[in-house]
Amino acid sequence: MMEFKTTKRDLEEVFTLIQSQVEDASLPDESTVNRFVRLARKLHQMADDAWVDEAEDFSHLAGQLLNAVKKGDVEDCVMLVESLGDAQSFCHRMFRD
């Protein structure tokens, strides 16, 4: 359980950093997004049945964000970060303990 809380906290911190990078309409840092993808996958592996689908979607979006960063597509990055933000707040509303 501790590992879950740590992963979730790390994921939120990294995501906040990515959000602040795209706010300036600049490309998020690739190594930061790589870390974000790893954390999102880890969270997905820890997810219980109640929210495993949401975690999978989130992980999938994180992967798409990494692709957009690699392509240098700022517009796509901004859109995906918005989608990730929506997914995150939905998940927290539904499943906050």
N, C-alpha and C. Protein backbone atom coordinates (compact mmCIF):
# COMPACT_ATOMS: atom_id res chain seq x y z
N MET A 1 0.83 -1.20 0.00
CA MET A 1 0.00 0.00 0.00
C MET A 1 0.88 1.26 0.00
N MET A 2 1.96 1.20 0.75
CA MET A 2 2.88 2.33 0.81
C MET A 2 3.43 2.65 -0.57
N GLU A 3 3.81 1.60 -1.30
CA GLU A 3 4.37 1.79 -2.63
C GLU A 3 3.36 2.48 -3.54
N PHE A 4 2.10 2.10 -3.39
CA PHE A 4 1.04 2.71 -4.20
C PHE A 4 0.98 4.22 -3.93
N LYS A 5 0.95 4.59 -2.66
CA LYS A 5 0.87 6.02 -2.30
C LYS A 5 2.07 6.79 -2.84
N THR A 6 3.25 6.19 -2.74
CA THR A 6 4.47 6.83 -3.24
C THR A 6 4.40 7.01 -4.75
N THR A 7 3.99 5.96 -5.45
CA THR A 7 3.88 6.02 -6.90
C THR A 7 2.89 7.09 -7.31
N LYS A 8 1.76 7.12 -6.63
CA LYS A 8 0.72 8.09 -6.95
C LYS A 8 1.23 9.52 -6.71
N ARG A 9 1.93 9.72 -5.60
CA ARG A 9 2.47 11.04 -5.29
C ARG A 9 3.52 11.46 -6.34
N ASP A 10 4.41 10.54 -6.68
CA ASP A 10 5.43 10.82 -7.70
C ASP A 10 4.79 11.17 -9.03
N LEU A 11 3.75 10.39 -9.38
CA LEU A 11 3.04 10.60 -10.64
C LEU A 11 2.43 11.99 -10.67
N GLU A 12 1.82 12.39 -9.56
CA GLU A 12 1.19 13.72 -9.49
C GLU A 12 2.23 14.82 -9.59
N GLU A 13 3.38 14.63 -8.93
CA GLU A 13 4.45 15.63 -8.99
C GLU A 13 4.99 15.79 -10.41
N VAL A 14 5.25 14.67 -11.06
CA VAL A 14 5.79 14.70 -12.42
C VAL A 14 4.75 15.31 -13.37
N PHE A 15 3.48 14.96 -13.16
CA PHE A 15 2.43 15.50 -14.02
C PHE A 15 2.31 17.01 -13.87
N THR A 16 2.41 17.51 -12.64
CA THR A 16 2.36 18.95 -12.39
C THR A 16 3.48 19.67 -13.14
N LEU A 17 4.65 19.05 -13.12
CA LEU A 17 5.80 19.60 -13.84
C LEU A 17 5.51 19.66 -15.35
N ILE A 18 4.96 18.59 -15.89
CA ILE A 18 4.62 18.53 -17.32
C ILE A 18 3.57 19.59 -17.66
N GLN A 19 2.57 19.72 -16.79
CA GLN A 19 1.52 20.72 -17.01
C GLN A 19 2.12 22.13 -17.07
N SER A 20 3.07 22.41 -16.19
CA SER A 20 3.67 23.75 -16.19
C SER A 20 4.52 23.96 -17.44
N GLN A 21 5.11 22.89 -17.97
CA GLN A 21 5.89 23.02 -19.20
C GLN A 21 4.99 23.33 -20.40
N VAL A 22 3.85 22.66 -20.50
CA VAL A 22 2.98 22.92 -21.66
C VAL A 22 2.19 24.22 -21.53
N GLU A 23 2.06 24.72 -20.31
CA GLU A 23 1.37 26.01 -20.11
C GLU A 23 2.03 27.12 -20.92
N ASP A 24 3.34 27.05 -21.05
CA ASP A 24 4.07 28.04 -21.85
C ASP A 24 4.09 27.65 -23.32
N ALA A 25 3.20 26.72 -23.69
CA ALA A 25 3.15 26.20 -25.06
C ALA A 25 4.53 25.73 -25.51
N SER A 26 5.26 25.14 -24.59
CA SER A 26 6.53 24.55 -24.97
C SER A 26 6.46 23.04 -24.79
N LEU A 27 7.38 22.36 -25.45
CA LEU A 27 7.42 20.91 -25.44
C LEU A 27 7.88 20.41 -24.08
N PRO A 28 7.14 19.47 -23.48
CA PRO A 28 7.62 18.92 -22.22
C PRO A 28 8.97 18.21 -22.43
N ASP A 29 9.72 18.15 -21.37
CA ASP A 29 11.02 17.51 -21.37
C ASP A 29 10.86 16.00 -21.55
N GLU A 30 11.56 15.43 -22.54
CA GLU A 30 11.37 14.02 -22.86
C GLU A 30 11.70 13.08 -21.71
N SER A 31 12.76 13.36 -20.96
CA SER A 31 13.10 12.47 -19.85
C SER A 31 12.04 12.53 -18.74
N THR A 32 11.44 13.70 -18.54
CA THR A 32 10.35 13.84 -17.57
C THR A 32 9.14 13.02 -18.02
N VAL A 33 8.80 13.12 -19.31
CA VAL A 33 7.66 12.37 -19.83
C VAL A 33 7.93 10.86 -19.80
N ASN A 34 9.17 10.47 -20.05
CA ASN A 34 9.55 9.06 -19.91
C ASN A 34 9.29 8.54 -18.51
N ARG A 35 9.67 9.36 -17.53
CA ARG A 35 9.45 8.99 -16.13
C ARG A 35 7.95 8.90 -15.84
N PHE A 36 7.20 9.84 -16.39
CA PHE A 36 5.75 9.86 -16.23
C PHE A 36 5.12 8.58 -16.78
N VAL A 37 5.56 8.16 -17.97
CA VAL A 37 5.05 6.94 -18.59
C VAL A 37 5.35 5.73 -17.70
N ARG A 38 6.56 5.66 -17.20
CA ARG A 38 6.93 4.53 -16.31
C ARG A 38 6.06 4.49 -15.07
N LEU A 39 5.83 5.65 -14.47
CA LEU A 39 4.99 5.72 -13.27
C LEU A 39 3.53 5.37 -13.57
N ALA A 40 3.03 5.83 -14.71
CA ALA A 40 1.65 5.54 -15.10
C ALA A 40 1.47 4.04 -15.32
N ARG A 41 2.48 3.40 -15.91
CA ARG A 41 2.41 1.94 -16.12
C ARG A 41 2.46 1.19 -14.80
N LYS A 42 3.29 1.69 -13.90
CA LYS A 42 3.43 1.07 -12.59
C LYS A 42 2.10 1.16 -11.83
N LEU A 43 1.46 2.33 -11.89
CA LEU A 43 0.17 2.53 -11.24
C LEU A 43 -0.87 1.59 -11.84
N HIS A 44 -0.84 1.44 -13.15
CA HIS A 44 -1.76 0.54 -13.83
C HIS A 44 -1.57 -0.90 -13.34
N GLN A 45 -0.33 -1.30 -13.13
CA GLN A 45 -0.06 -2.66 -12.63
C GLN A 45 -0.58 -2.86 -11.21
N MET A 46 -0.62 -1.78 -10.44
CA MET A 46 -1.09 -1.86 -9.05
C MET A 46 -2.60 -1.67 -8.92
N ALA A 47 -3.24 -1.25 -9.99
CA ALA A 47 -4.66 -0.89 -9.93
C ALA A 47 -5.52 -2.08 -9.55
N ASP A 48 -6.55 -1.83 -8.76
CA ASP A 48 -7.51 -2.90 -8.50
C ASP A 48 -8.65 -2.81 -9.52
N ASP A 49 -9.49 -3.83 -9.52
CA ASP A 49 -10.53 -3.96 -10.55
C ASP A 49 -11.42 -2.74 -10.69
N ALA A 50 -11.64 -2.04 -9.59
CA ALA A 50 -12.56 -0.89 -9.61
C ALA A 50 -12.12 0.18 -10.60
N TRP A 51 -10.83 0.37 -10.74
CA TRP A 51 -10.36 1.47 -11.61
C TRP A 51 -9.24 1.06 -12.56
N VAL A 52 -9.12 -0.25 -12.81
CA VAL A 52 -8.04 -0.70 -13.70
C VAL A 52 -8.22 -0.16 -15.13
N ASP A 53 -9.45 -0.03 -15.59
CA ASP A 53 -9.69 0.50 -16.95
C ASP A 53 -9.24 1.96 -17.06
N GLU A 54 -9.56 2.74 -16.04
CA GLU A 54 -9.15 4.15 -16.02
C GLU A 54 -7.63 4.26 -16.00
N ALA A 55 -6.99 3.39 -15.20
CA ALA A 55 -5.53 3.40 -15.11
C ALA A 55 -4.91 3.01 -16.45
N GLU A 56 -5.55 2.09 -17.15
CA GLU A 56 -5.06 1.67 -18.46
C GLU A 56 -5.18 2.82 -19.47
N ASP A 57 -6.30 3.50 -19.45
CA ASP A 57 -6.50 4.66 -20.34
C ASP A 57 -5.44 5.73 -20.07
N PHE A 58 -5.20 5.97 -18.78
CA PHE A 58 -4.24 6.98 -18.37
C PHE A 58 -2.84 6.62 -18.88
N SER A 59 -2.50 5.35 -18.71
CA SER A 59 -1.20 4.85 -19.15
C SER A 59 -1.06 4.97 -20.67
N HIS A 60 -2.15 4.67 -21.37
CA HIS A 60 -2.18 4.77 -22.83
C HIS A 60 -1.98 6.23 -23.28
N LEU A 61 -2.68 7.15 -22.62
CA LEU A 61 -2.54 8.58 -22.93
C LEU A 61 -1.11 9.06 -22.65
N ALA A 62 -0.53 8.55 -21.58
CA ALA A 62 0.86 8.91 -21.24
C ALA A 62 1.80 8.48 -22.36
N GLY A 63 1.57 7.29 -22.89
CA GLY A 63 2.37 6.80 -24.02
C GLY A 63 2.20 7.66 -25.26
N GLN A 64 0.97 8.10 -25.50
CA GLN A 64 0.71 8.99 -26.64
C GLN A 64 1.41 10.33 -26.46
N LEU A 65 1.45 10.79 -25.21
CA LEU A 65 2.14 12.05 -24.92
C LEU A 65 3.64 11.92 -25.23
N LEU A 66 4.21 10.78 -24.86
CA LEU A 66 5.63 10.56 -25.15
C LEU A 66 5.88 10.57 -26.66
N ASN A 67 5.00 9.95 -27.42
CA ASN A 67 5.12 9.97 -28.89
C ASN A 67 5.06 11.39 -29.43
N ALA A 68 4.13 12.18 -28.91
CA ALA A 68 3.97 13.56 -29.35
C ALA A 68 5.22 14.38 -29.04
N VAL A 69 5.83 14.12 -27.88
CA VAL A 69 7.06 14.82 -27.50
C VAL A 69 8.18 14.44 -28.47
N LYS A 70 8.27 13.15 -28.77
CA LYS A 70 9.32 12.68 -29.70
C LYS A 70 9.14 13.27 -31.09
N LYS A 71 7.90 13.50 -31.49
CA LYS A 71 7.63 14.10 -32.81
C LYS A 71 7.76 15.62 -32.78
N GLY A 72 7.86 16.18 -31.57
CA GLY A 72 7.95 17.63 -31.44
C GLY A 72 6.63 18.33 -31.69
N ASP A 73 5.53 17.63 -31.46
CA ASP A 73 4.20 18.18 -31.72
C ASP A 73 3.61 18.84 -30.46
N VAL A 74 3.87 20.15 -30.33
CA VAL A 74 3.44 20.88 -29.14
C VAL A 74 1.92 20.87 -28.98
N GLU A 75 1.22 21.09 -30.09
CA GLU A 75 -0.25 21.16 -30.06
C GLU A 75 -0.85 19.87 -29.51
N ASP A 76 -0.33 18.75 -30.01
CA ASP A 76 -0.77 17.44 -29.55
C ASP A 76 -0.46 17.24 -28.07
N CYS A 77 0.71 17.70 -27.66
CA CYS A 77 1.11 17.61 -26.25
C CYS A 77 0.13 18.33 -25.35
N VAL A 78 -0.21 19.55 -25.74
CA VAL A 78 -1.15 20.35 -24.95
C VAL A 78 -2.49 19.64 -24.82
N MET A 79 -2.98 19.10 -25.93
CA MET A 79 -4.25 18.39 -25.94
C MET A 79 -4.21 17.14 -25.04
N LEU A 80 -3.12 16.37 -25.15
CA LEU A 80 -2.99 15.15 -24.37
C LEU A 80 -2.84 15.44 -22.88
N VAL A 81 -2.12 16.50 -22.55
CA VAL A 81 -1.98 16.87 -21.15
C VAL A 81 -3.35 17.27 -20.57
N GLU A 82 -4.16 17.94 -21.38
CA GLU A 82 -5.53 18.27 -20.95
C GLU A 82 -6.35 17.01 -20.71
N SER A 83 -6.26 16.06 -21.65
CA SER A 83 -6.98 14.79 -21.50
C SER A 83 -6.52 14.03 -20.25
N LEU A 84 -5.21 14.03 -20.02
CA LEU A 84 -4.66 13.37 -18.83
C LEU A 84 -5.16 14.05 -17.56
N GLY A 85 -5.23 15.37 -17.59
CA GLY A 85 -5.74 16.13 -16.44
C GLY A 85 -7.19 15.80 -16.15
N ASP A 86 -7.99 15.69 -17.22
CA ASP A 86 -9.41 15.31 -17.06
C ASP A 86 -9.52 13.91 -16.49
N ALA A 87 -8.73 12.99 -17.02
CA ALA A 87 -8.75 11.60 -16.57
C ALA A 87 -8.35 11.51 -15.11
N GLN A 88 -7.34 12.27 -14.74
CA GLN A 88 -6.87 12.27 -13.36
C GLN A 88 -7.93 12.79 -12.40
N SER A 89 -8.54 13.92 -12.73
CA SER A 89 -9.53 14.48 -11.80
C SER A 89 -10.79 13.62 -11.75
N PHE A 90 -11.15 13.00 -12.88
CA PHE A 90 -12.29 12.06 -12.87
C PHE A 90 -11.99 10.90 -11.94
N CYS A 91 -10.82 10.33 -12.09
CA CYS A 91 -10.41 9.19 -11.28
C CYS A 91 -10.41 9.55 -9.79
N HIS A 92 -9.88 10.72 -9.47
CA HIS A 92 -9.82 11.13 -8.08
C HIS A 92 -11.20 11.37 -7.49
N ARG A 93 -12.10 11.94 -8.29
CA ARG A 93 -13.48 12.13 -7.81
C ARG A 93 -14.17 10.80 -7.54
N MET A 94 -13.94 9.84 -8.46
CA MET A 94 -14.63 8.55 -8.36
C MET A 94 -14.04 7.64 -7.29
N PHE A 95 -12.73 7.67 -7.16
CA PHE A 95 -12.07 6.61 -6.39
C PHE A 95 -11.20 7.09 -5.23
N ARG A 96 -11.31 8.33 -4.84
CA ARG A 96 -10.54 8.83 -3.69
C ARG A 96 -10.95 8.04 -2.44
N ASP A 97 -9.95 7.56 -1.72
CA ASP A 97 -10.34 6.85 -0.49
C ASP A 97 -10.43 7.84 0.67
